[in-house]
Amino acid sequence: MDKKTAAQIIEDHMVHGLSYRSLGKKYGIPHVTVYRMLMGKPKKQVQLEALTIPEADALPDDVTVLKEALRKARLLIELQNLMLDISSKELGIDLRKKHGTRQSK
């Protein structure tokens, strides 16, 4: 398998979230081969390749734009909290995650 195909398989798995079986079908190779290829590569190297940030998504430098974004984020959080409160009252159960709880066996 050439490096270009291997890079495409890694990108499809990391960025697009395709499973080993679907990647195997797409590229005509056994899913076990895809698994071994992805597990053999160090995770940090794979993540760094997938985390290229385009320049268009860079944060703005203007303080007023950042303040407006922060205000909108706070409003969204407040709205989500109110929705949880209302739905908890209607359903009669607490929908919030309880911190510090252990997984059931």
N, C-alpha and C. Protein backbone atom coordinates (compact mmCIF):
# COMPACT_ATOMS: atom_id res chain seq x y z
N MET A 1 0.85 -1.17 0.00
CA MET A 1 0.00 0.00 0.00
C MET A 1 0.90 1.24 0.00
N ASP A 2 0.57 2.19 -0.84
CA ASP A 2 1.40 3.38 -0.92
C ASP A 2 1.05 4.37 0.20
N LYS A 3 1.93 5.34 0.40
CA LYS A 3 1.77 6.29 1.51
C LYS A 3 0.56 7.20 1.30
N LYS A 4 0.24 7.48 0.06
CA LYS A 4 -0.89 8.37 -0.23
C LYS A 4 -2.21 7.71 0.21
N THR A 5 -2.36 6.43 -0.10
CA THR A 5 -3.57 5.70 0.31
C THR A 5 -3.62 5.57 1.82
N ALA A 6 -2.49 5.27 2.44
CA ALA A 6 -2.45 5.15 3.90
C ALA A 6 -2.83 6.47 4.56
N ALA A 7 -2.33 7.58 4.03
CA ALA A 7 -2.68 8.90 4.58
C ALA A 7 -4.16 9.18 4.41
N GLN A 8 -4.73 8.78 3.28
CA GLN A 8 -6.16 8.98 3.05
C GLN A 8 -6.99 8.15 4.01
N ILE A 9 -6.56 6.91 4.28
CA ILE A 9 -7.27 6.05 5.24
C ILE A 9 -7.23 6.67 6.62
N ILE A 10 -6.07 7.16 7.02
CA ILE A 10 -5.94 7.79 8.35
C ILE A 10 -6.83 9.02 8.44
N GLU A 11 -6.85 9.82 7.39
CA GLU A 11 -7.69 11.02 7.39
C GLU A 11 -9.18 10.65 7.47
N ASP A 12 -9.58 9.65 6.68
CA ASP A 12 -10.98 9.22 6.71
C ASP A 12 -11.38 8.73 8.09
N HIS A 13 -10.47 8.06 8.77
CA HIS A 13 -10.79 7.54 10.11
C HIS A 13 -10.81 8.66 11.15
N MET A 14 -9.80 9.52 11.15
CA MET A 14 -9.69 10.54 12.19
C MET A 14 -10.64 11.72 11.97
N VAL A 15 -10.75 12.19 10.75
CA VAL A 15 -11.55 13.38 10.48
C VAL A 15 -13.02 13.03 10.24
N HIS A 16 -13.26 12.03 9.39
CA HIS A 16 -14.62 11.70 9.01
C HIS A 16 -15.25 10.64 9.91
N GLY A 17 -14.45 9.98 10.75
CA GLY A 17 -14.97 9.01 11.71
C GLY A 17 -15.42 7.70 11.11
N LEU A 18 -14.87 7.31 9.97
CA LEU A 18 -15.27 6.05 9.36
C LEU A 18 -14.72 4.87 10.16
N SER A 19 -15.47 3.79 10.23
CA SER A 19 -15.05 2.61 10.98
C SER A 19 -14.04 1.80 10.18
N TYR A 20 -13.41 0.83 10.86
CA TYR A 20 -12.43 -0.02 10.20
C TYR A 20 -13.08 -0.82 9.07
N ARG A 21 -14.26 -1.33 9.32
CA ARG A 21 -14.95 -2.13 8.29
C ARG A 21 -15.32 -1.29 7.07
N SER A 22 -15.84 -0.09 7.31
CA SER A 22 -16.23 0.75 6.17
C SER A 22 -14.99 1.20 5.39
N LEU A 23 -13.89 1.45 6.10
CA LEU A 23 -12.64 1.80 5.40
C LEU A 23 -12.13 0.62 4.59
N GLY A 24 -12.25 -0.58 5.15
CA GLY A 24 -11.83 -1.78 4.43
C GLY A 24 -12.62 -1.97 3.15
N LYS A 25 -13.94 -1.76 3.24
CA LYS A 25 -14.78 -1.89 2.04
C LYS A 25 -14.46 -0.81 1.02
N LYS A 26 -14.23 0.40 1.50
CA LYS A 26 -13.97 1.53 0.61
C LYS A 26 -12.67 1.34 -0.18
N TYR A 27 -11.64 0.84 0.50
CA TYR A 27 -10.34 0.71 -0.15
C TYR A 27 -10.02 -0.72 -0.60
N GLY A 28 -10.94 -1.66 -0.36
CA GLY A 28 -10.76 -3.02 -0.84
C GLY A 28 -9.69 -3.80 -0.11
N ILE A 29 -9.55 -3.55 1.17
CA ILE A 29 -8.58 -4.28 1.98
C ILE A 29 -9.29 -4.82 3.22
N PRO A 30 -8.76 -5.86 3.86
CA PRO A 30 -9.41 -6.39 5.05
C PRO A 30 -9.43 -5.37 6.19
N HIS A 31 -10.51 -5.39 6.98
CA HIS A 31 -10.63 -4.44 8.07
C HIS A 31 -9.54 -4.65 9.13
N VAL A 32 -9.04 -5.87 9.24
CA VAL A 32 -7.97 -6.15 10.20
C VAL A 32 -6.69 -5.40 9.79
N THR A 33 -6.45 -5.33 8.49
CA THR A 33 -5.29 -4.59 7.99
C THR A 33 -5.41 -3.11 8.32
N VAL A 34 -6.62 -2.57 8.17
CA VAL A 34 -6.85 -1.16 8.50
C VAL A 34 -6.61 -0.95 9.99
N TYR A 35 -7.11 -1.85 10.82
CA TYR A 35 -6.94 -1.74 12.27
C TYR A 35 -5.46 -1.76 12.63
N ARG A 36 -4.72 -2.72 12.09
CA ARG A 36 -3.30 -2.84 12.40
C ARG A 36 -2.52 -1.62 11.92
N MET A 37 -2.91 -1.08 10.78
CA MET A 37 -2.23 0.09 10.26
C MET A 37 -2.47 1.30 11.17
N LEU A 38 -3.72 1.49 11.61
CA LEU A 38 -4.04 2.63 12.45
C LEU A 38 -3.49 2.47 13.87
N MET A 39 -3.47 1.28 14.39
CA MET A 39 -2.97 1.06 15.74
C MET A 39 -1.44 1.05 15.79
N GLY A 40 -0.80 0.78 14.68
CA GLY A 40 0.65 0.75 14.63
C GLY A 40 1.26 2.14 14.62
N LYS A 41 0.48 3.13 14.19
CA LYS A 41 0.97 4.49 14.12
C LYS A 41 0.75 5.18 15.47
N PRO A 42 1.72 5.91 15.99
CA PRO A 42 1.52 6.60 17.27
C PRO A 42 0.34 7.55 17.22
N LYS A 43 -0.46 7.56 18.27
CA LYS A 43 -1.69 8.37 18.29
C LYS A 43 -1.39 9.85 18.16
N LYS A 44 -0.37 10.35 18.85
CA LYS A 44 -0.08 11.78 18.81
C LYS A 44 0.26 12.23 17.39
N GLN A 45 0.98 11.39 16.66
CA GLN A 45 1.34 11.75 15.29
C GLN A 45 0.09 11.80 14.42
N VAL A 46 -0.83 10.85 14.60
CA VAL A 46 -2.06 10.83 13.82
C VAL A 46 -2.90 12.05 14.17
N GLN A 47 -3.01 12.39 15.45
CA GLN A 47 -3.82 13.52 15.86
C GLN A 47 -3.24 14.82 15.35
N LEU A 48 -1.91 14.97 15.36
CA LEU A 48 -1.31 16.19 14.86
C LEU A 48 -1.53 16.36 13.37
N GLU A 49 -1.53 15.27 12.62
CA GLU A 49 -1.80 15.37 11.19
C GLU A 49 -3.23 15.80 10.93
N ALA A 50 -4.16 15.34 11.77
CA ALA A 50 -5.57 15.64 11.56
C ALA A 50 -5.95 17.02 12.07
N LEU A 51 -5.13 17.63 12.93
CA LEU A 51 -5.48 18.89 13.55
C LEU A 51 -4.84 20.09 12.86
N THR A 52 -5.04 20.22 11.59
CA THR A 52 -4.57 21.40 10.89
C THR A 52 -5.69 22.42 10.88
N ILE A 53 -5.45 23.59 11.43
CA ILE A 53 -6.47 24.63 11.56
C ILE A 53 -6.33 25.61 10.40
N PRO A 54 -7.39 25.75 9.60
CA PRO A 54 -7.33 26.71 8.51
C PRO A 54 -7.28 28.14 9.05
N GLU A 55 -6.73 29.03 8.28
CA GLU A 55 -6.58 30.42 8.69
C GLU A 55 -7.92 31.13 8.85
N ALA A 56 -8.96 30.66 8.16
CA ALA A 56 -10.26 31.31 8.23
C ALA A 56 -10.90 31.15 9.60
N ASP A 57 -10.52 30.10 10.35
CA ASP A 57 -11.09 29.87 11.67
C ASP A 57 -10.28 30.51 12.78
N ALA A 58 -9.33 31.37 12.46
CA ALA A 58 -8.51 32.03 13.46
C ALA A 58 -9.38 32.97 14.29
N LEU A 59 -9.01 33.15 15.55
CA LEU A 59 -9.77 34.02 16.44
C LEU A 59 -9.56 35.49 16.06
N PRO A 60 -10.61 36.30 16.20
CA PRO A 60 -10.46 37.73 15.88
C PRO A 60 -9.66 38.43 16.98
N ASP A 61 -9.01 39.53 16.62
CA ASP A 61 -8.23 40.31 17.57
C ASP A 61 -9.03 41.45 18.18
N ASP A 62 -10.17 41.78 17.61
CA ASP A 62 -10.97 42.90 18.08
C ASP A 62 -11.67 42.53 19.38
N VAL A 63 -11.54 43.38 20.40
CA VAL A 63 -12.11 43.11 21.72
C VAL A 63 -13.63 43.13 21.67
N THR A 64 -14.23 44.01 20.89
CA THR A 64 -15.69 44.08 20.84
C THR A 64 -16.29 42.81 20.25
N VAL A 65 -15.63 42.24 19.25
CA VAL A 65 -16.11 41.00 18.65
C VAL A 65 -16.02 39.87 19.67
N LEU A 66 -14.92 39.82 20.41
CA LEU A 66 -14.75 38.79 21.43
C LEU A 66 -15.76 38.94 22.57
N LYS A 67 -16.04 40.19 22.97
CA LYS A 67 -17.03 40.42 24.01
C LYS A 67 -18.42 39.97 23.55
N GLU A 68 -18.75 40.24 22.31
CA GLU A 68 -20.05 39.83 21.77
C GLU A 68 -20.15 38.31 21.72
N ALA A 69 -19.07 37.64 21.32
CA ALA A 69 -19.07 36.17 21.30
C ALA A 69 -19.22 35.60 22.70
N LEU A 70 -18.57 36.21 23.68
CA LEU A 70 -18.69 35.78 25.07
C LEU A 70 -20.12 35.98 25.59
N ARG A 71 -20.72 37.11 25.23
CA ARG A 71 -22.10 37.38 25.65
C ARG A 71 -23.05 36.34 25.08
N LYS A 72 -22.87 35.99 23.81
CA LYS A 72 -23.71 34.98 23.17
C LYS A 72 -23.51 33.61 23.81
N ALA A 73 -22.28 33.29 24.14
CA ALA A 73 -22.00 31.99 24.77
C ALA A 73 -22.65 31.92 26.15
N ARG A 74 -22.58 33.02 26.90
CA ARG A 74 -23.21 33.04 28.23
C ARG A 74 -24.73 32.92 28.13
N LEU A 75 -25.32 33.57 27.12
CA LEU A 75 -26.76 33.46 26.91
C LEU A 75 -27.15 32.03 26.55
N LEU A 76 -26.35 31.37 25.74
CA LEU A 76 -26.62 30.00 25.36
C LEU A 76 -26.56 29.07 26.59
N ILE A 77 -25.56 29.27 27.43
CA ILE A 77 -25.44 28.45 28.64
C ILE A 77 -26.63 28.68 29.56
N GLU A 78 -27.04 29.94 29.70
CA GLU A 78 -28.19 30.24 30.55
C GLU A 78 -29.46 29.60 29.98
N LEU A 79 -29.62 29.64 28.67
CA LEU A 79 -30.77 29.02 28.03
C LEU A 79 -30.77 27.51 28.25
N GLN A 80 -29.61 26.88 28.12
CA GLN A 80 -29.52 25.44 28.34
C GLN A 80 -29.85 25.08 29.79
N ASN A 81 -29.37 25.90 30.73
CA ASN A 81 -29.68 25.64 32.13
C ASN A 81 -31.18 25.78 32.41
N LEU A 82 -31.81 26.79 31.81
CA LEU A 82 -33.25 26.96 31.99
C LEU A 82 -34.03 25.80 31.38
N MET A 83 -33.59 25.33 30.21
CA MET A 83 -34.26 24.18 29.58
C MET A 83 -34.14 22.94 30.45
N LEU A 84 -32.98 22.73 31.05
CA LEU A 84 -32.81 21.58 31.96
C LEU A 84 -33.68 21.71 33.19
N ASP A 85 -33.78 22.92 33.74
CA ASP A 85 -34.64 23.13 34.92
C ASP A 85 -36.10 22.85 34.60
N ILE A 86 -36.57 23.37 33.48
CA ILE A 86 -37.98 23.19 33.09
C ILE A 86 -38.27 21.72 32.81
N SER A 87 -37.39 21.06 32.07
CA SER A 87 -37.63 19.65 31.76
C SER A 87 -37.50 18.78 33.00
N SER A 88 -36.65 19.15 33.94
CA SER A 88 -36.55 18.39 35.19
C SER A 88 -37.84 18.51 35.99
N LYS A 89 -38.44 19.69 36.01
CA LYS A 89 -39.70 19.88 36.73
C LYS A 89 -40.83 19.10 36.06
N GLU A 90 -40.87 19.12 34.72
CA GLU A 90 -41.94 18.43 34.01
C GLU A 90 -41.82 16.92 34.12
N LEU A 91 -40.61 16.40 34.04
CA LEU A 91 -40.42 14.96 34.08
C LEU A 91 -40.30 14.41 35.50
N GLY A 92 -39.94 15.27 36.42
CA GLY A 92 -39.82 14.83 37.81
C GLY A 92 -38.54 14.10 38.12
N ILE A 93 -37.55 14.18 37.22
CA ILE A 93 -36.25 13.55 37.48
C ILE A 93 -35.16 14.56 37.19
N ASP A 94 -33.99 14.39 37.84
CA ASP A 94 -32.88 15.29 37.63
C ASP A 94 -32.12 14.85 36.38
N LEU A 95 -31.99 15.74 35.42
CA LEU A 95 -31.33 15.42 34.16
C LEU A 95 -29.86 15.80 34.14
N ARG A 96 -29.40 16.49 35.16
CA ARG A 96 -28.00 16.91 35.19
C ARG A 96 -27.10 15.77 35.62
N LYS A 97 -25.88 15.80 35.14
CA LYS A 97 -24.91 14.77 35.49
C LYS A 97 -24.46 14.98 36.92
N LYS A 98 -24.42 13.90 37.66
CA LYS A 98 -23.96 13.97 39.04
C LYS A 98 -22.45 13.68 39.04
N HIS A 99 -21.67 14.64 39.51
CA HIS A 99 -20.23 14.49 39.50
C HIS A 99 -19.79 13.56 40.63
N GLY A 100 -18.78 12.77 40.33
CA GLY A 100 -18.22 11.89 41.34
C GLY A 100 -18.92 10.54 41.46
N THR A 101 -19.91 10.27 40.63
CA THR A 101 -20.57 8.98 40.71
C THR A 101 -19.75 7.94 39.97
N ARG A 102 -19.89 6.70 40.40
CA ARG A 102 -19.15 5.62 39.77
C ARG A 102 -20.03 4.90 38.77
N GLN A 103 -19.39 4.23 37.81
CA GLN A 103 -20.12 3.46 36.83
C GLN A 103 -20.71 2.22 37.48
N SER A 104 -21.91 1.86 37.08
CA SER A 104 -22.50 0.62 37.57
C SER A 104 -21.85 -0.57 36.89
N LYS A 105 -21.81 -1.70 37.60
CA LYS A 105 -21.16 -2.88 37.06
C LYS A 105 -22.10 -3.72 36.24
